[in-house]
PDB file of N, CA and C in Angstrom:
ATOM      1  N   MET A   1      38.175 -31.921-103.302  1.00  0.00           N
ATOM      2  CA  MET A   1      39.427 -32.391-103.876  1.00  0.00           C
ATOM      3  C   MET A   1      39.465 -32.110-105.372  1.00  0.00           C
ATOM      4  N   VAL A   2      40.648 -31.957-105.871  1.00  0.00           N
ATOM      5  CA  VAL A   2      40.867 -31.735-107.295  1.00  0.00           C
ATOM      6  C   VAL A   2      41.551 -32.966-107.856  1.00  0.00           C
ATOM      7  N   HIS A   3      41.106 -33.396-109.027  1.00  0.00           N
ATOM      8  CA  HIS A   3      41.680 -34.568-109.683  1.00  0.00           C
ATOM      9  C   HIS A   3      42.135 -34.208-111.082  1.00  0.00           C
ATOM     10  N   CYS A   4      43.171 -34.877-111.555  1.00  0.00           N
ATOM     11  CA  CYS A   4      43.621 -34.726-112.934  1.00  0.00           C
ATOM     12  C   CYS A   4      42.537 -35.315-113.839  1.00  0.00           C
ATOM     13  N   THR A   5      42.185 -34.598-114.876  1.00  0.00           N
ATOM     14  CA  THR A   5      41.138 -35.076-115.782  1.00  0.00           C
ATOM     15  C   THR A   5      41.600 -36.243-116.651  1.00  0.00           C
ATOM     16  N   GLU A   6      42.900 -36.426-116.789  1.00  0.00           N
ATOM     17  CA  GLU A   6      43.421 -37.506-117.632  1.00  0.00           C
ATOM     18  C   GLU A   6      43.607 -38.814-116.875  1.00  0.00           C
ATOM     19  N   CYS A   7      44.314 -38.757-115.735  1.00  0.00           N
ATOM     20  CA  CYS A   7      44.655 -39.998-115.035  1.00  0.00           C
ATOM     21  C   CYS A   7      43.873 -40.197-113.732  1.00  0.00           C
ATOM     22  N   GLY A   8      43.144 -39.160-113.278  1.00  0.00           N
ATOM     23  CA  GLY A   8      42.366 -39.275-112.056  1.00  0.00           C
ATOM     24  C   GLY A   8      43.157 -39.099-110.777  1.00  0.00           C
ATOM     25  N   GLU A   9      44.459 -38.809-110.876  1.00  0.00           N
ATOM     26  CA  GLU A   9      45.302 -38.607-109.694  1.00  0.00           C
ATOM     27  C   GLU A   9      44.771 -37.443-108.857  1.00  0.00           C
ATOM     28  N   GLU A  10      44.744 -37.607-107.548  1.00  0.00           N
ATOM     29  CA  GLU A  10      44.298 -36.561-106.637  1.00  0.00           C
ATOM     30  C   GLU A  10      45.404 -35.524-106.489  1.00  0.00           C
ATOM     31  N   LEU A  11      45.076 -34.260-106.688  1.00  0.00           N
ATOM     32  CA  LEU A  11      46.047 -33.168-106.618  1.00  0.00           C
ATOM     33  C   LEU A  11      45.808 -32.389-105.325  1.00  0.00           C
ATOM     34  N   THR A  12      46.591 -32.696-104.305  1.00  0.00           N
ATOM     35  CA  THR A  12      46.390 -32.068-102.996  1.00  0.00           C
ATOM     36  C   THR A  12      47.577 -31.228-102.545  1.00  0.00           C
ATOM     37  N   GLU A  13      48.759 -31.489-103.076  1.00  0.00           N
ATOM     38  CA  GLU A  13      49.969 -30.783-102.679  1.00  0.00           C
ATOM     39  C   GLU A  13      50.514 -29.977-103.860  1.00  0.00           C
ATOM     40  N   ALA A  14      51.305 -28.970-103.569  1.00  0.00           N
ATOM     41  CA  ALA A  14      51.935 -28.173-104.631  1.00  0.00           C
ATOM     42  C   ALA A  14      52.840 -29.042-105.502  1.00  0.00           C
ATOM     43  N   SER A  15      53.410 -30.091-104.920  1.00  0.00           N
ATOM     44  CA  SER A  15      54.309 -30.972-105.674  1.00  0.00           C
ATOM     45  C   SER A  15      53.552 -31.900-106.636  1.00  0.00           C
ATOM     46  N   ASP A  16      52.228 -31.927-106.554  1.00  0.00           N
ATOM     47  CA  ASP A  16      51.425 -32.758-107.455  1.00  0.00           C
ATOM     48  C   ASP A  16      51.293 -32.151-108.846  1.00  0.00           C
ATOM     49  N   VAL A  17      51.656 -30.888-108.983  1.00  0.00           N
ATOM     50  CA  VAL A  17      51.628 -30.220-110.286  1.00  0.00           C
ATOM     51  C   VAL A  17      52.989 -29.612-110.555  1.00  0.00           C
ATOM     52  N   GLU A  18      53.294 -29.394-111.825  1.00  0.00           N
ATOM     53  CA  GLU A  18      54.542 -28.741-112.186  1.00  0.00           C
ATOM     54  C   GLU A  18      54.241 -27.545-113.077  1.00  0.00           C
ATOM     55  N   PHE A  19      54.956 -26.448-112.840  1.00  0.00           N
ATOM     56  CA  PHE A  19      54.795 -25.236-113.609  1.00  0.00           C
ATOM     57  C   PHE A  19      55.907 -25.176-114.643  1.00  0.00           C
ATOM     58  N   LEU A  20      55.550 -25.101-115.904  1.00  0.00           N
ATOM     59  CA  LEU A  20      56.519 -25.037-116.984  1.00  0.00           C
ATOM     60  C   LEU A  20      56.501 -23.644-117.582  1.00  0.00           C
ATOM     61  N   ASP A  21      57.612 -22.931-117.455  1.00  0.00           N
ATOM     62  CA  ASP A  21      57.742 -21.577-117.986  1.00  0.00           C
ATOM     63  C   ASP A  21      57.958 -21.674-119.489  1.00  0.00           C
ATOM     64  N   LEU A  22      57.039 -21.095-120.273  1.00  0.00           N
ATOM     65  CA  LEU A  22      57.129 -21.195-121.724  1.00  0.00           C
ATOM     66  C   LEU A  22      57.921 -20.072-122.356  1.00  0.00           C
ATOM     67  N   ASP A  23      57.724 -18.846-121.892  1.00  0.00           N
ATOM     68  CA  ASP A  23      58.321 -17.707-122.569  1.00  0.00           C
ATOM     69  C   ASP A  23      58.241 -16.496-121.659  1.00  0.00           C
ATOM     70  N   ALA A  24      59.138 -15.566-121.834  1.00  0.00           N
ATOM     71  CA  ALA A  24      59.078 -14.300-121.100  1.00  0.00           C
ATOM     72  C   ALA A  24      59.303 -13.176-122.093  1.00  0.00           C
ATOM     73  N   LYS A  25      58.467 -12.165-122.029  1.00  0.00           N
ATOM     74  CA  LYS A  25      58.592 -11.031-122.938  1.00  0.00           C
ATOM     75  C   LYS A  25      58.431  -9.737-122.158  1.00  0.00           C
ATOM     76  N   ILE A  26      59.155  -8.729-122.594  1.00  0.00           N
ATOM     77  CA  ILE A  26      58.970  -7.391-122.037  1.00  0.00           C
ATOM     78  C   ILE A  26      58.363  -6.547-123.140  1.00  0.00           C
ATOM     79  N   SER A  27      57.137  -6.065-122.895  1.00  0.00           N
ATOM     80  CA  SER A  27      56.456  -5.286-123.922  1.00  0.00           C
ATOM     81  C   SER A  27      55.372  -4.437-123.292  1.00  0.00           C
ATOM     82  N   GLY A  28      54.773  -3.615-124.125  1.00  0.00           N
ATOM     83  CA  GLY A  28      53.646  -2.812-123.677  1.00  0.00           C
ATOM     84  C   GLY A  28      54.039  -1.426-123.231  1.00  0.00           C
ATOM     85  N   LEU A  29      53.032  -0.647-122.922  1.00  0.00           N
ATOM     86  CA  LEU A  29      53.209   0.741-122.539  1.00  0.00           C
ATOM     87  C   LEU A  29      54.046   0.883-121.269  1.00  0.00           C
ATOM     88  N   PHE A  30      53.839   0.000-120.294  1.00  0.00           N
ATOM     89  CA  PHE A  30      54.548   0.090-119.026  1.00  0.00           C
ATOM     90  C   PHE A  30      55.773  -0.809-118.958  1.00  0.00           C
ATOM     91  N   ARG A  31      56.111  -1.465-120.054  1.00  0.00           N
ATOM     92  CA  ARG A  31      57.283  -2.340-120.159  1.00  0.00           C
ATOM     93  C   ARG A  31      57.365  -3.338-119.016  1.00  0.00           C
ATOM     94  N   SER A  32      56.275  -4.029-118.767  1.00  0.00           N
ATOM     95  CA  SER A  32      56.269  -5.055-117.720  1.00  0.00           C
ATOM     96  C   SER A  32      56.615  -6.412-118.322  1.00  0.00           C
ATOM     97  N   SER A  33      57.265  -7.230-117.540  1.00  0.00           N
ATOM     98  CA  SER A  33      57.625  -8.570-117.983  1.00  0.00           C
ATOM     99  C   SER A  33      56.406  -9.483-117.846  1.00  0.00           C
ATOM    100  N   LYS A  34      56.159 -10.276-118.871  1.00  0.00           N
ATOM    101  CA  LYS A  34      55.063 -11.240-118.838  1.00  0.00           C
ATOM    102  C   LYS A  34      55.637 -12.634-119.025  1.00  0.00           C
ATOM    103  N   ARG A  35      55.264 -13.552-118.148  1.00  0.00           N
ATOM    104  CA  ARG A  35      55.722 -14.936-118.238  1.00  0.00           C
ATOM    105  C   ARG A  35      54.529 -15.822-118.546  1.00  0.00           C
ATOM    106  N   PHE A  36      54.657 -16.623-119.568  1.00  0.00           N
ATOM    107  CA  PHE A  36      53.609 -17.555-119.966  1.00  0.00           C
ATOM    108  C   PHE A  36      53.957 -18.926-119.403  1.00  0.00           C
ATOM    109  N   TYR A  37      52.976 -19.595-118.818  1.00  0.00           N
ATOM    110  CA  TYR A  37      53.271 -20.878-118.185  1.00  0.00           C
ATOM    111  C   TYR A  37      52.146 -21.877-118.406  1.00  0.00           C
ATOM    112  N   VAL A  38      52.485 -23.150-118.251  1.00  0.00           N
ATOM    113  CA  VAL A  38      51.530 -24.254-118.312  1.00  0.00           C
ATOM    114  C   VAL A  38      51.652 -25.029-117.008  1.00  0.00           C
ATOM    115  N   VAL A  39      50.522 -25.438-116.444  1.00  0.00           N
ATOM    116  CA  VAL A  39      50.507 -26.259-115.243  1.00  0.00           C
ATOM    117  C   VAL A  39      50.175 -27.681-115.678  1.00  0.00           C
ATOM    118  N   GLY A  40      51.021 -28.631-115.299  1.00  0.00           N
ATOM    119  CA  GLY A  40      50.816 -30.013-115.696  1.00  0.00           C
ATOM    120  C   GLY A  40      50.763 -30.957-114.511  1.00  0.00           C
ATOM    121  N   CYS A  41      50.090 -32.062-114.678  1.00  0.00           N
ATOM    122  CA  CYS A  41      50.019 -33.113-113.659  1.00  0.00           C
ATOM    123  C   CYS A  41      51.392 -33.780-113.564  1.00  0.00           C
ATOM    124  N   SER A  42      51.934 -33.865-112.360  1.00  0.00           N
ATOM    125  CA  SER A  42      53.257 -34.488-112.216  1.00  0.00           C
ATOM    126  C   SER A  42      53.188 -36.007-112.324  1.00  0.00           C
ATOM    127  N   ASN A  43      51.992 -36.590-112.280  1.00  0.00           N
ATOM    128  CA  ASN A  43      51.834 -38.029-112.406  1.00  0.00           C
ATOM    129  C   ASN A  43      51.861 -38.469-113.875  1.00  0.00           C
ATOM    130  N   CYS A  44      51.060 -37.811-114.726  1.00  0.00           N
ATOM    131  CA  CYS A  44      50.969 -38.249-116.129  1.00  0.00           C
ATOM    132  C   CYS A  44      51.457 -37.208-117.131  1.00  0.00           C
ATOM    133  N   GLY A  45      51.672 -35.960-116.682  1.00  0.00           N
ATOM    134  CA  GLY A  45      52.172 -34.918-117.580  1.00  0.00           C
ATOM    135  C   GLY A  45      51.108 -34.173-118.361  1.00  0.00           C
ATOM    136  N   ALA A  46      49.843 -34.482-118.150  1.00  0.00           N
ATOM    137  CA  ALA A  46      48.764 -33.810-118.881  1.00  0.00           C
ATOM    138  C   ALA A  46      48.696 -32.336-118.487  1.00  0.00           C
ATOM    139  N   ALA A  47      48.435 -31.473-119.464  1.00  0.00           N
ATOM    140  CA  ALA A  47      48.267 -30.045-119.197  1.00  0.00           C
ATOM    141  C   ALA A  47      46.942 -29.827-118.478  1.00  0.00           C
ATOM    142  N   ILE A  48      47.005 -29.169-117.335  1.00  0.00           N
ATOM    143  CA  ILE A  48      45.814 -28.914-116.519  1.00  0.00           C
ATOM    144  C   ILE A  48      45.316 -27.486-116.742  1.00  0.00           C
ATOM    145  N   GLY A  49      46.220 -26.574-116.944  1.00  0.00           N
ATOM    146  CA  GLY A  49      45.850 -25.171-117.139  1.00  0.00           C
ATOM    147  C   GLY A  49      47.024 -24.373-117.634  1.00  0.00           C
ATOM    148  N   SER A  50      46.787 -23.106-117.930  1.00  0.00           N
ATOM    149  CA  SER A  50      47.836 -22.216-118.386  1.00  0.00           C
ATOM    150  C   SER A  50      47.490 -20.806-117.964  1.00  0.00           C
ATOM    151  N   GLY A  51      48.450 -19.912-118.090  1.00  0.00           N
ATOM    152  CA  GLY A  51      48.185 -18.538-117.715  1.00  0.00           C
ATOM    153  C   GLY A  51      49.351 -17.634-118.015  1.00  0.00           C
ATOM    154  N   VAL A  52      49.196 -16.376-117.596  1.00  0.00           N
ATOM    155  CA  VAL A  52      50.217 -15.353-117.779  1.00  0.00           C
ATOM    156  C   VAL A  52      50.447 -14.702-116.425  1.00  0.00           C
ATOM    157  N   ALA A  53      51.685 -14.608-116.037  1.00  0.00           N
ATOM    158  CA  ALA A  53      52.037 -13.921-114.799  1.00  0.00           C
ATOM    159  C   ALA A  53      52.804 -12.661-115.172  1.00  0.00           C
ATOM    160  N   GLY A  54      52.466 -11.550-114.574  1.00  0.00           N
ATOM    161  CA  GLY A  54      53.129 -10.290-114.888  1.00  0.00           C
ATOM    162  C   GLY A  54      53.920  -9.776-113.717  1.00  0.00           C
ATOM    163  N   GLY A  55      54.836  -8.898-114.016  1.00  0.00           N
ATOM    164  CA  GLY A  55      55.638  -8.278-112.968  1.00  0.00           C
ATOM    165  C   GLY A  55      56.162  -6.954-113.444  1.00  0.00           C
ATOM    166  N   GLY A  56      56.554  -6.105-112.535  1.00  0.00           N
ATOM    167  CA  GLY A  56      57.092  -4.803-112.885  1.00  0.00           C
ATOM    168  C   GLY A  56      58.506  -4.898-113.402  1.00  0.00           C
ATOM    169  N   ASP A  57      58.914  -3.912-114.161  1.00  0.00           N
ATOM    170  CA  ASP A  57      60.250  -3.871-114.743  1.00  0.00           C
ATOM    171  C   ASP A  57      61.155  -3.007-113.915  1.00  0.00           C
TER     172      ASP A  57
END
């Protein structure tokens, strides 16, 4: 099981976390879109992780 490090809530379903889209940019040699996001606990709002998702243009 995975737990939130802040409140201890058990994270078992996709609805237990929320994905917050921070920014989208098109750049680079291949002009691909990059989306920056933060994953937060839906119980207390603490940031659990972050990342970059890419896609073709």
